[in-house]
PDB file of all heavy atoms in Angstrom:
ATOM      1  N   ALA A   1     125.105  44.904 222.747  1.00  0.00           N
ATOM      2  CA  ALA A   1     123.985  45.807 222.493  1.00  0.00           C
ATOM      3  C   ALA A   1     123.161  45.248 221.332  1.00  0.00           C
ATOM      4  O   ALA A   1     123.708  44.594 220.440  1.00  0.00           O
ATOM      5  CB  ALA A   1     124.477  47.210 222.151  1.00  0.00           C
ATOM      6  N   ALA A   2     121.875  45.525 221.385  1.00  0.00           N
ATOM      7  CA  ALA A   2     121.008  45.272 220.226  1.00  0.00           C
ATOM      8  C   ALA A   2     120.900  46.605 219.497  1.00  0.00           C
ATOM      9  O   ALA A   2     120.674  47.652 220.132  1.00  0.00           O
ATOM     10  CB  ALA A   2     119.635  44.797 220.677  1.00  0.00           C
ATOM     11  N   VAL A   3     121.107  46.591 218.195  1.00  0.00           N
ATOM     12  CA  VAL A   3     121.068  47.821 217.402  1.00  0.00           C
ATOM     13  C   VAL A   3     119.877  47.775 216.458  1.00  0.00           C
ATOM     14  O   VAL A   3     119.725  46.812 215.703  1.00  0.00           O
ATOM     15  CB  VAL A   3     122.386  48.012 216.602  1.00  0.00           C
ATOM     16  CG1 VAL A   3     122.357  49.307 215.809  1.00  0.00           C
ATOM     17  CG2 VAL A   3     123.602  47.980 217.546  1.00  0.00           C
ATOM     18  N   PHE A   4     119.056  48.804 216.513  1.00  0.00           N
ATOM     19  CA  PHE A   4     117.871  48.890 215.684  1.00  0.00           C
ATOM     20  C   PHE A   4     118.005  50.116 214.765  1.00  0.00           C
ATOM     21  O   PHE A   4     118.444  51.170 215.225  1.00  0.00           O
ATOM     22  CB  PHE A   4     116.593  48.986 216.520  1.00  0.00           C
ATOM     23  CG  PHE A   4     116.375  47.747 217.326  1.00  0.00           C
ATOM     24  CD1 PHE A   4     116.821  47.659 218.636  1.00  0.00           C
ATOM     25  CD2 PHE A   4     115.751  46.650 216.781  1.00  0.00           C
ATOM     26  CE1 PHE A   4     116.666  46.507 219.380  1.00  0.00           C
ATOM     27  CE2 PHE A   4     115.568  45.477 217.506  1.00  0.00           C
ATOM     28  CZ  PHE A   4     116.028  45.411 218.794  1.00  0.00           C
ATOM     29  N   VAL A   5     117.626  49.934 213.505  1.00  0.00           N
ATOM     30  CA  VAL A   5     117.724  51.030 212.533  1.00  0.00           C
ATOM     31  C   VAL A   5     116.364  51.359 211.984  1.00  0.00           C
ATOM     32  O   VAL A   5     115.500  50.486 211.793  1.00  0.00           O
ATOM     33  CB  VAL A   5     118.704  50.648 211.399  1.00  0.00           C
ATOM     34  CG1 VAL A   5     120.130  50.542 211.919  1.00  0.00           C
ATOM     35  CG2 VAL A   5     118.290  49.405 210.680  1.00  0.00           C
ATOM     36  N   LEU A   6     116.147  52.614 211.733  1.00  0.00           N
ATOM     37  CA  LEU A   6     114.900  53.115 211.128  1.00  0.00           C
ATOM     38  C   LEU A   6     115.229  53.451 209.689  1.00  0.00           C
ATOM     39  O   LEU A   6     116.147  54.246 209.413  1.00  0.00           O
ATOM     40  CB  LEU A   6     114.441  54.374 211.879  1.00  0.00           C
ATOM     41  CG  LEU A   6     113.093  54.934 211.518  1.00  0.00           C
ATOM     42  CD1 LEU A   6     111.974  53.965 211.952  1.00  0.00           C
ATOM     43  CD2 LEU A   6     112.879  56.279 212.174  1.00  0.00           C
ATOM     44  N   CYS A   7     114.530  52.811 208.753  1.00  0.00           N
ATOM     45  CA  CYS A   7     114.787  52.984 207.336  1.00  0.00           C
ATOM     46  C   CYS A   7     113.517  53.406 206.609  1.00  0.00           C
ATOM     47  O   CYS A   7     112.421  52.936 206.940  1.00  0.00           O
ATOM     48  CB  CYS A   7     115.263  51.663 206.725  1.00  0.00           C
ATOM     49  SG  CYS A   7     116.697  50.969 207.519  1.00  0.00           S
ATOM     50  N   PRO A   8     113.651  54.230 205.575  1.00  0.00           N
ATOM     51  CA  PRO A   8     112.486  54.545 204.749  1.00  0.00           C
ATOM     52  C   PRO A   8     111.988  53.268 204.059  1.00  0.00           C
ATOM     53  O   PRO A   8     112.800  52.464 203.627  1.00  0.00           O
ATOM     54  CB  PRO A   8     113.032  55.535 203.711  1.00  0.00           C
ATOM     55  CG  PRO A   8     114.335  56.016 204.239  1.00  0.00           C
ATOM     56  CD  PRO A   8     114.857  54.931 205.127  1.00  0.00           C
ATOM     57  N   GLN A   9     110.700  53.110 203.989  1.00  0.00           N
ATOM     58  CA  GLN A   9     110.147  51.899 203.353  1.00  0.00           C
ATOM     59  C   GLN A   9     110.590  51.767 201.901  1.00  0.00           C
ATOM     60  O   GLN A   9     110.803  50.675 201.419  1.00  0.00           O
ATOM     61  CB  GLN A   9     108.623  51.900 203.423  1.00  0.00           C
ATOM     62  CG  GLN A   9     108.096  51.201 204.629  1.00  0.00           C
ATOM     63  CD  GLN A   9     106.612  50.911 204.525  1.00  0.00           C
ATOM     64  OE1 GLN A   9     105.848  51.630 203.931  1.00  0.00           O
ATOM     65  NE2 GLN A   9     106.204  49.819 205.159  1.00  0.00           N
ATOM     66  N   ASN A  10     110.748  52.888 201.233  1.00  0.00           N
ATOM     67  CA  ASN A  10     111.118  52.845 199.812  1.00  0.00           C
ATOM     68  C   ASN A  10     112.625  52.738 199.576  1.00  0.00           C
ATOM     69  O   ASN A  10     113.070  52.720 198.445  1.00  0.00           O
ATOM     70  CB  ASN A  10     110.553  54.043 199.044  1.00  0.00           C
ATOM     71  CG  ASN A  10     111.081  55.364 199.578  1.00  0.00           C
ATOM     72  OD1 ASN A  10     111.847  55.425 200.538  1.00  0.00           O
ATOM     73  ND2 ASN A  10     110.673  56.434 198.939  1.00  0.00           N
ATOM     74  N   ASP A  11     113.415  52.684 200.653  1.00  0.00           N
ATOM     75  CA  ASP A  11     114.886  52.548 200.540  1.00  0.00           C
ATOM     76  C   ASP A  11     115.369  51.805 201.773  1.00  0.00           C
ATOM     77  O   ASP A  11     115.960  52.384 202.684  1.00  0.00           O
ATOM     78  CB  ASP A  11     115.527  53.924 200.424  1.00  0.00           C
ATOM     79  CG  ASP A  11     117.018  53.857 200.104  1.00  0.00           C
ATOM     80  OD1 ASP A  11     117.560  52.727 200.000  1.00  0.00           O
ATOM     81  OD2 ASP A  11     117.632  54.929 199.979  1.00  0.00           O
ATOM     82  N   SER A  12     115.112  50.498 201.807  1.00  0.00           N
ATOM     83  CA  SER A  12     115.348  49.714 203.030  1.00  0.00           C
ATOM     84  C   SER A  12     116.799  49.582 203.450  1.00  0.00           C
ATOM     85  O   SER A  12     117.084  49.131 204.554  1.00  0.00           O
ATOM     86  CB  SER A  12     114.727  48.307 202.880  1.00  0.00           C
ATOM     87  OG  SER A  12     115.383  47.626 201.831  1.00  0.00           O
ATOM     88  N   GLY A  13     117.743  49.993 202.598  1.00  0.00           N
ATOM     89  CA  GLY A  13     119.127  49.941 202.986  1.00  0.00           C
ATOM     90  C   GLY A  13     119.634  51.240 203.609  1.00  0.00           C
ATOM     91  O   GLY A  13     120.679  51.277 204.255  1.00  0.00           O
ATOM     92  N   ARG A  14     118.886  52.293 203.458  1.00  0.00           N
ATOM     93  CA  ARG A  14     119.272  53.614 203.949  1.00  0.00           C
ATOM     94  C   ARG A  14     118.874  53.742 205.425  1.00  0.00           C
ATOM     95  O   ARG A  14     117.734  53.491 205.773  1.00  0.00           O
ATOM     96  CB  ARG A  14     118.548  54.675 203.097  1.00  0.00           C
ATOM     97  CG  ARG A  14     118.775  56.075 203.552  1.00  0.00           C
ATOM     98  CD  ARG A  14     120.122  56.566 203.134  1.00  0.00           C
ATOM     99  NE  ARG A  14     120.265  57.687 203.590  1.00  0.00           N
ATOM    100  CZ  ARG A  14     120.545  58.978 203.731  1.00  0.00           C
ATOM    101  NH1 ARG A  14     120.822  59.268 203.494  1.00  0.00           N
ATOM    102  NH2 ARG A  14     120.555  60.042 204.170  1.00  0.00           N
ATOM    103  N   ILE A  15     119.816  54.150 206.254  1.00  0.00           N
ATOM    104  CA  ILE A  15     119.533  54.295 207.679  1.00  0.00           C
ATOM    105  C   ILE A  15     119.185  55.764 207.966  1.00  0.00           C
ATOM    106  O   ILE A  15     120.034  56.652 207.789  1.00  0.00           O
ATOM    107  CB  ILE A  15     120.736  53.858 208.525  1.00  0.00           C
ATOM    108  CG1 ILE A  15     121.035  52.383 208.299  1.00  0.00           C
ATOM    109  CG2 ILE A  15     120.455  54.125 210.020  1.00  0.00           C
ATOM    110  CD1 ILE A  15     122.293  51.882 208.979  1.00  0.00           C
ATOM    111  N   ALA A  16     117.935  56.000 208.378  1.00  0.00           N
ATOM    112  CA  ALA A  16     117.500  57.347 208.740  1.00  0.00           C
ATOM    113  C   ALA A  16     117.794  57.640 210.209  1.00  0.00           C
ATOM    114  O   ALA A  16     117.942  58.782 210.591  1.00  0.00           O
ATOM    115  CB  ALA A  16     115.997  57.468 208.470  1.00  0.00           C
ATOM    116  N   GLY A  17     117.889  56.588 211.027  1.00  0.00           N
ATOM    117  CA  GLY A  17     118.192  56.746 212.441  1.00  0.00           C
ATOM    118  C   GLY A  17     118.467  55.407 213.042  1.00  0.00           C
ATOM    119  O   GLY A  17     118.194  54.367 212.433  1.00  0.00           O
ATOM    120  N   PHE A  18     119.017  55.422 214.253  1.00  0.00           N
ATOM    121  CA  PHE A  18     119.278  54.158 214.954  1.00  0.00           C
ATOM    122  C   PHE A  18     119.270  54.368 216.448  1.00  0.00           C
ATOM    123  O   PHE A  18     119.377  55.503 216.932  1.00  0.00           O
ATOM    124  CB  PHE A  18     120.604  53.534 214.507  1.00  0.00           C
ATOM    125  CG  PHE A  18     121.838  54.154 215.122  1.00  0.00           C
ATOM    126  CD1 PHE A  18     122.448  53.580 216.253  1.00  0.00           C
ATOM    127  CD2 PHE A  18     122.411  55.298 214.589  1.00  0.00           C
ATOM    128  CE1 PHE A  18     123.578  54.125 216.814  1.00  0.00           C
ATOM    129  CE2 PHE A  18     123.546  55.856 215.164  1.00  0.00           C
ATOM    130  CZ  PHE A  18     124.131  55.268 216.275  1.00  0.00           C
ATOM    131  N   TYR A  19     119.133  53.293 217.163  1.00  0.00           N
ATOM    132  CA  TYR A  19     119.294  53.303 218.614  1.00  0.00           C
ATOM    133  C   TYR A  19     119.805  51.938 219.071  1.00  0.00           C
ATOM    134  O   TYR A  19     119.708  50.959 218.338  1.00  0.00           O
ATOM    135  CB  TYR A  19     118.002  53.698 219.357  1.00  0.00           C
ATOM    136  CG  TYR A  19     116.841  52.757 219.164  1.00  0.00           C
ATOM    137  CD1 TYR A  19     116.663  51.649 219.988  1.00  0.00           C
ATOM    138  CD2 TYR A  19     115.871  52.985 218.166  1.00  0.00           C
ATOM    139  CE1 TYR A  19     115.580  50.796 219.823  1.00  0.00           C
ATOM    140  CE2 TYR A  19     114.815  52.142 218.006  1.00  0.00           C
ATOM    141  CZ  TYR A  19     114.646  51.064 218.833  1.00  0.00           C
ATOM    142  OH  TYR A  19     113.594  50.203 218.669  1.00  0.00           O
ATOM    143  N   THR A  20     120.363  51.927 220.270  1.00  0.00           N
ATOM    144  CA  THR A  20     120.862  50.688 220.857  1.00  0.00           C
ATOM    145  C   THR A  20     120.138  50.420 222.171  1.00  0.00           C
ATOM    146  O   THR A  20     119.747  51.354 222.860  1.00  0.00           O
ATOM    147  CB  THR A  20     122.371  50.740 221.130  1.00  0.00           C
ATOM    148  OG1 THR A  20     122.657  51.710 222.147  1.00  0.00           O
ATOM    149  CG2 THR A  20     123.155  51.046 219.862  1.00  0.00           C
ATOM    150  N   LEU A  21     119.972  49.128 222.472  1.00  0.00           N
ATOM    151  CA  LEU A  21     119.372  48.721 223.742  1.00  0.00           C
ATOM    152  C   LEU A  21     120.256  47.666 224.374  1.00  0.00           C
ATOM    153  O   LEU A  21     120.842  46.826 223.675  1.00  0.00           O
ATOM    154  CB  LEU A  21     117.986  48.098 223.522  1.00  0.00           C
ATOM    155  CG  LEU A  21     116.891  48.964 222.923  1.00  0.00           C
ATOM    156  CD1 LEU A  21     115.609  48.149 222.721  1.00  0.00           C
ATOM    157  CD2 LEU A  21     116.627  50.181 223.810  1.00  0.00           C
ATOM    158  N   CYS A  22     120.349  47.703 225.677  1.00  0.00           N
ATOM    159  CA  CYS A  22     121.008  46.639 226.442  1.00  0.00           C
ATOM    160  C   CYS A  22     120.477  46.670 227.867  1.00  0.00           C
ATOM    161  O   CYS A  22     119.827  47.634 228.282  1.00  0.00           O
ATOM    162  CB  CYS A  22     122.525  46.775 226.428  1.00  0.00           C
ATOM    163  SG  CYS A  22     123.187  48.203 227.276  1.00  0.00           S
ATOM    164  N   SER A  23     120.726  45.586 228.581  1.00  0.00           N
ATOM    165  CA  SER A  23     120.260  45.537 229.950  1.00  0.00           C
ATOM    166  C   SER A  23     121.202  46.355 230.843  1.00  0.00           C
ATOM    167  O   SER A  23     122.369  46.562 230.510  1.00  0.00           O
ATOM    168  CB  SER A  23     120.179  44.092 230.450  1.00  0.00           C
ATOM    169  OG  SER A  23     121.448  43.498 230.390  1.00  0.00           O
ATOM    170  N   THR A  24     120.663  46.824 231.936  1.00  0.00           N
ATOM    171  CA  THR A  24     121.452  47.589 232.881  1.00  0.00           C
ATOM    172  C   THR A  24     120.793  47.477 234.260  1.00  0.00           C
ATOM    173  O   THR A  24     119.755  46.855 234.417  1.00  0.00           O
ATOM    174  CB  THR A  24     121.551  49.079 232.459  1.00  0.00           C
ATOM    175  OG1 THR A  24     122.546  49.744 233.252  1.00  0.00           O
ATOM    176  CG2 THR A  24     120.217  49.812 232.623  1.00  0.00           C
ATOM    177  N   SER A  25     121.397  48.090 235.229  1.00  0.00           N
ATOM    178  CA  SER A  25     120.779  48.214 236.543  1.00  0.00           C
ATOM    179  C   SER A  25     121.265  49.523 237.160  1.00  0.00           C
ATOM    180  O   SER A  25     122.320  50.037 236.783  1.00  0.00           O
ATOM    181  CB  SER A  25     121.101  47.031 237.464  1.00  0.00           C
ATOM    182  OG  SER A  25     122.485  47.009 237.754  1.00  0.00           O
ATOM    183  N   ILE A  26     120.468  50.057 238.042  1.00  0.00           N
ATOM    184  CA  ILE A  26     120.867  51.259 238.762  1.00  0.00           C
ATOM    185  C   ILE A  26     120.628  51.044 240.251  1.00  0.00           C
ATOM    186  O   ILE A  26     119.784  50.234 240.640  1.00  0.00           O
ATOM    187  CB  ILE A  26     120.120  52.521 238.248  1.00  0.00           C
ATOM    188  CG1 ILE A  26     118.603  52.324 238.331  1.00  0.00           C
ATOM    189  CG2 ILE A  26     120.514  52.849 236.836  1.00  0.00           C
ATOM    190  CD1 ILE A  26     117.818  53.552 237.913  1.00  0.00           C
ATOM    191  N   GLU A  27     121.387  51.728 241.052  1.00  0.00           N
ATOM    192  CA  GLU A  27     121.238  51.592 242.495  1.00  0.00           C
ATOM    193  C   GLU A  27     119.905  52.156 242.947  1.00  0.00           C
ATOM    194  O   GLU A  27     119.544  53.279 242.545  1.00  0.00           O
ATOM    195  CB  GLU A  27     122.357  52.312 243.234  1.00  0.00           C
ATOM    196  CG  GLU A  27     123.704  51.668 243.054  1.00  0.00           C
ATOM    197  CD  GLU A  27     124.794  52.357 243.877  1.00  0.00           C
ATOM    198  OE1 GLU A  27     124.453  53.239 244.705  1.00  0.00           O
ATOM    199  OE2 GLU A  27     125.952  52.030 243.673  1.00  0.00           O
ATOM    200  N   LEU A  28     119.200  51.406 243.751  1.00  0.00           N
ATOM    201  CA  LEU A  28     117.932  51.882 244.307  1.00  0.00           C
ATOM    202  C   LEU A  28     118.107  53.228 244.986  1.00  0.00           C
ATOM    203  O   LEU A  28     117.317  54.156 244.794  1.00  0.00           O
ATOM    204  CB  LEU A  28     117.338  50.867 245.275  1.00  0.00           C
ATOM    205  CG  LEU A  28     116.052  51.268 245.990  1.00  0.00           C
ATOM    206  CD1 LEU A  28     114.911  51.381 244.978  1.00  0.00           C
ATOM    207  CD2 LEU A  28     115.711  50.296 247.100  1.00  0.00           C
ATOM    208  N   MET A  29     119.196  53.356 245.752  1.00  0.00           N
ATOM    209  CA  MET A  29     119.430  54.586 246.518  1.00  0.00           C
ATOM    210  C   MET A  29     119.761  55.768 245.609  1.00  0.00           C
ATOM    211  O   MET A  29     119.725  56.922 246.050  1.00  0.00           O
ATOM    212  CB  MET A  29     120.558  54.376 247.535  1.00  0.00           C
ATOM    213  CG  MET A  29     120.253  53.265 248.548  1.00  0.00           C
ATOM    214  SD  MET A  29     118.609  53.360 249.273  1.00  0.00           S
ATOM    215  CE  MET A  29     118.890  54.577 250.522  1.00  0.00           C
ATOM    216  N   GLY A  30     120.057  55.510 244.329  1.00  0.00           N
ATOM    217  CA  GLY A  30     120.344  56.582 243.400  1.00  0.00           C
ATOM    218  C   GLY A  30     119.106  57.193 242.776  1.00  0.00           C
ATOM    219  O   GLY A  30     119.178  58.217 242.110  1.00  0.00           O
ATOM    220  N   LEU A  31     117.961  56.545 243.005  1.00  0.00           N
ATOM    221  CA  LEU A  31     116.701  57.071 242.479  1.00  0.00           C
ATOM    222  C   LEU A  31     116.105  58.104 243.428  1.00  0.00           C
ATOM    223  O   LEU A  31     116.391  58.074 244.638  1.00  0.00           O
ATOM    224  CB  LEU A  31     115.706  55.915 242.304  1.00  0.00           C
ATOM    225  CG  LEU A  31     116.024  54.932 241.198  1.00  0.00           C
ATOM    226  CD1 LEU A  31     115.149  53.672 241.330  1.00  0.00           C
ATOM    227  CD2 LEU A  31     115.812  55.576 239.837  1.00  0.00           C
ATOM    228  N   PRO A  32     115.277  58.989 242.929  1.00  0.00           N
ATOM    229  CA  PRO A  32     114.591  59.944 243.817  1.00  0.00           C
ATOM    230  C   PRO A  32     113.771  59.193 244.874  1.00  0.00           C
ATOM    231  O   PRO A  32     113.282  58.083 244.619  1.00  0.00           O
ATOM    232  CB  PRO A  32     113.682  60.734 242.886  1.00  0.00           C
ATOM    233  CG  PRO A  32     114.294  60.573 241.532  1.00  0.00           C
ATOM    234  CD  PRO A  32     114.934  59.223 241.532  1.00  0.00           C
ATOM    235  N   LYS A  33     113.631  59.780 246.038  1.00  0.00           N
ATOM    236  CA  LYS A  33     112.965  59.133 247.173  1.00  0.00           C
ATOM    237  C   LYS A  33     111.544  58.675 246.840  1.00  0.00           C
ATOM    238  O   LYS A  33     111.126  57.584 247.228  1.00  0.00           O
ATOM    239  CB  LYS A  33     112.903  60.083 248.381  1.00  0.00           C
ATOM    240  CG  LYS A  33     114.257  60.461 248.920  1.00  0.00           C
ATOM    241  CD  LYS A  33     114.906  59.319 249.661  1.00  0.00           C
ATOM    242  CE  LYS A  33     116.225  59.779 250.279  1.00  0.00           C
ATOM    243  NZ  LYS A  33     117.154  58.717 250.459  1.00  0.00           N
ATOM    244  N   ASP A  34     110.783  59.490 246.091  1.00  0.00           N
ATOM    245  CA  ASP A  34     109.415  59.091 245.766  1.00  0.00           C
ATOM    246  C   ASP A  34     109.365  57.838 244.898  1.00  0.00           C
ATOM    247  O   ASP A  34     108.441  57.040 244.996  1.00  0.00           O
ATOM    248  CB  ASP A  34     108.647  60.256 245.116  1.00  0.00           C
ATOM    249  CG  ASP A  34     109.252  60.684 243.782  1.00  0.00           C
ATOM    250  OD1 ASP A  34     110.485  60.785 243.684  1.00  0.00           O
ATOM    251  OD2 ASP A  34     108.473  60.898 242.830  1.00  0.00           O
ATOM    252  N   VAL A  35     110.373  57.644 244.049  1.00  0.00           N
ATOM    253  CA  VAL A  35     110.432  56.448 243.207  1.00  0.00           C
ATOM    254  C   VAL A  35     110.874  55.260 244.045  1.00  0.00           C
ATOM    255  O   VAL A  35     110.348  54.153 243.890  1.00  0.00           O
ATOM    256  CB  VAL A  35     111.374  56.668 242.011  1.00  0.00           C
ATOM    257  CG1 VAL A  35     111.529  55.406 241.174  1.00  0.00           C
ATOM    258  CG2 VAL A  35     110.884  57.831 241.146  1.00  0.00           C
ATOM    259  N   GLN A  36     111.830  55.467 244.932  1.00  0.00           N
ATOM    260  CA  GLN A  36     112.314  54.397 245.816  1.00  0.00           C
ATOM    261  C   GLN A  36     111.156  53.765 246.601  1.00  0.00           C
ATOM    262  O   GLN A  36     111.110  52.545 246.764  1.00  0.00           O
ATOM    263  CB  GLN A  36     113.360  54.930 246.807  1.00  0.00           C
ATOM    264  CG  GLN A  36     114.685  55.246 246.226  1.00  0.00           C
ATOM    265  CD  GLN A  36     115.636  55.773 247.287  1.00  0.00           C
ATOM    266  OE1 GLN A  36     115.575  55.348 248.459  1.00  0.00           O
ATOM    267  NE2 GLN A  36     116.516  56.686 246.918  1.00  0.00           N
ATOM    268  N   LYS A  37     110.245  54.579 247.056  1.00  0.00           N
ATOM    269  CA  LYS A  37     109.125  54.094 247.881  1.00  0.00           C
ATOM    270  C   LYS A  37     108.256  53.102 247.157  1.00  0.00           C
ATOM    271  O   LYS A  37     107.614  52.261 247.789  1.00  0.00           O
ATOM    272  CB  LYS A  37     108.270  55.276 248.356  1.00  0.00           C
ATOM    273  CG  LYS A  37     108.964  56.178 249.352  1.00  0.00           C
ATOM    274  CD  LYS A  37     108.059  57.359 249.704  1.00  0.00           C
ATOM    275  CE  LYS A  37     108.795  58.340 250.568  1.00  0.00           C
ATOM    276  NZ  LYS A  37     107.980  59.529 250.844  1.00  0.00           N
ATOM    277  N   ARG A  38     108.201  53.198 245.823  1.00  0.00           N
ATOM    278  CA  ARG A  38     107.333  52.323 245.040  1.00  0.00           C
ATOM    279  C   ARG A  38     108.009  51.024 244.600  1.00  0.00           C
ATOM    280  O   ARG A  38     107.376  50.209 243.911  1.00  0.00           O
ATOM    281  CB  ARG A  38     106.817  53.070 243.811  1.00  0.00           C
ATOM    282  CG  ARG A  38     105.841  54.183 244.182  1.00  0.00           C
ATOM    283  CD  ARG A  38     105.392  54.915 242.970  1.00  0.00           C
ATOM    284  NE  ARG A  38     106.310  56.062 242.833  1.00  0.00           N
ATOM    285  CZ  ARG A  38     106.520  56.726 241.735  1.00  0.00           C
ATOM    286  NH1 ARG A  38     105.881  56.421 240.636  1.00  0.00           N
ATOM    287  NH2 ARG A  38     107.345  57.735 241.696  1.00  0.00           N
ATOM    288  N   LEU A  39     109.262  50.852 244.976  1.00  0.00           N
ATOM    289  CA  LEU A  39     110.013  49.668 244.508  1.00  0.00           C
ATOM    290  C   LEU A  39     110.421  48.802 245.688  1.00  0.00           C
ATOM    291  O   LEU A  39     110.582  49.298 246.814  1.00  0.00           O
ATOM    292  CB  LEU A  39     111.260  50.122 243.743  1.00  0.00           C
ATOM    293  CG  LEU A  39     111.001  50.847 242.429  1.00  0.00           C
ATOM    294  CD1 LEU A  39     112.285  51.465 241.898  1.00  0.00           C
ATOM    295  CD2 LEU A  39     110.450  49.876 241.397  1.00  0.00           C
ATOM    296  N   PRO A  40     110.619  47.509 245.445  1.00  0.00           N
ATOM    297  CA  PRO A  40     111.131  46.646 246.509  1.00  0.00           C
ATOM    298  C   PRO A  40     112.516  47.104 246.938  1.00  0.00           C
ATOM    299  O   PRO A  40     113.213  47.786 246.190  1.00  0.00           O
ATOM    300  CB  PRO A  40     111.225  45.263 245.862  1.00  0.00           C
ATOM    301  CG  PRO A  40     110.428  45.356 244.612  1.00  0.00           C
ATOM    302  CD  PRO A  40     110.368  46.786 244.206  1.00  0.00           C
ATOM    303  N   ARG A  41     112.921  46.745 248.082  1.00  0.00           N
ATOM    304  CA  ARG A  41     114.183  47.209 248.668  1.00  0.00           C
ATOM    305  C   ARG A  41     115.404  46.401 248.212  1.00  0.00           C
ATOM    306  O   ARG A  41     116.306  46.136 248.973  1.00  0.00           O
ATOM    307  CB  ARG A  41     114.108  47.219 250.194  1.00  0.00           C
ATOM    308  CG  ARG A  41     113.028  48.117 250.740  1.00  0.00           C
ATOM    309  CD  ARG A  41     113.413  49.580 250.537  1.00  0.00           C
ATOM    310  NE  ARG A  41     112.321  50.462 250.899  1.00  0.00           N
ATOM    311  CZ  ARG A  41     111.636  51.201 250.035  1.00  0.00           C
ATOM    312  NH1 ARG A  41     111.899  51.151 248.756  1.00  0.00           N
ATOM    313  NH2 ARG A  41     110.677  51.980 250.424  1.00  0.00           N
ATOM    314  N   TYR A  42     115.462  46.021 246.957  1.00  0.00           N
ATOM    315  CA  TYR A  42     116.651  45.394 246.415  1.00  0.00           C
ATOM    316  C   TYR A  42     117.717  46.446 246.188  1.00  0.00           C
ATOM    317  O   TYR A  42     117.406  47.580 245.854  1.00  0.00           O
ATOM    318  CB  TYR A  42     116.343  44.674 245.097  1.00  0.00           C
ATOM    319  CG  TYR A  42     115.325  43.572 245.222  1.00  0.00           C
ATOM    320  CD1 TYR A  42     114.175  43.580 244.420  1.00  0.00           C
ATOM    321  CD2 TYR A  42     115.487  42.538 246.135  1.00  0.00           C
ATOM    322  CE1 TYR A  42     113.233  42.574 244.541  1.00  0.00           C
ATOM    323  CE2 TYR A  42     114.531  41.535 246.240  1.00  0.00           C
ATOM    324  CZ  TYR A  42     113.421  41.549 245.441  1.00  0.00           C
ATOM    325  OH  TYR A  42     112.490  40.561 245.553  1.00  0.00           O
ATOM    326  N   PRO A  43     118.995  46.102 246.350  1.00  0.00           N
ATOM    327  CA  PRO A  43     120.049  47.121 246.156  1.00  0.00           C
ATOM    328  C   PRO A  43     120.117  47.670 244.724  1.00  0.00           C
ATOM    329  O   PRO A  43     120.423  48.829 244.510  1.00  0.00           O
ATOM    330  CB  PRO A  43     121.338  46.403 246.510  1.00  0.00           C
ATOM    331  CG  PRO A  43     120.991  45.040 246.953  1.00  0.00           C
ATOM    332  CD  PRO A  43     119.529  44.827 246.799  1.00  0.00           C
ATOM    333  N   GLN A  44     119.807  46.820 243.737  1.00  0.00           N
ATOM    334  CA  GLN A  44     119.850  47.225 242.335  1.00  0.00           C
ATOM    335  C   GLN A  44     118.458  47.116 241.705  1.00  0.00           C
ATOM    336  O   GLN A  44     117.717  46.163 242.005  1.00  0.00           O
ATOM    337  CB  GLN A  44     120.821  46.328 241.547  1.00  0.00           C
ATOM    338  CG  GLN A  44     122.267  46.440 242.004  1.00  0.00           C
ATOM    339  CD  GLN A  44     122.911  47.740 241.561  1.00  0.00           C
ATOM    340  OE1 GLN A  44     122.729  48.186 240.412  1.00  0.00           O
ATOM    341  NE2 GLN A  44     123.633  48.372 242.443  1.00  0.00           N
ATOM    342  N   VAL A  45     118.139  48.034 240.843  1.00  0.00           N
ATOM    343  CA  VAL A  45     116.883  48.041 240.123  1.00  0.00           C
ATOM    344  C   VAL A  45     117.186  47.660 238.677  1.00  0.00           C
ATOM    345  O   VAL A  45     118.019  48.316 238.029  1.00  0.00           O
ATOM    346  CB  VAL A  45     116.225  49.428 240.208  1.00  0.00           C
ATOM    347  CG1 VAL A  45     114.959  49.471 239.365  1.00  0.00           C
ATOM    348  CG2 VAL A  45     115.947  49.821 241.632  1.00  0.00           C
TER     349      VAL A  45
END
């Protein structure tokens, strides 16, 4: 995961909040039908 922290400018060591990001995929068939229609027919999105 990539971890990002939000810090006050005047206290750059203090963590006010954070979030993580990473790659993923979801099954095309698990999406609502209206969303499926707008995507290519690959098994994973």
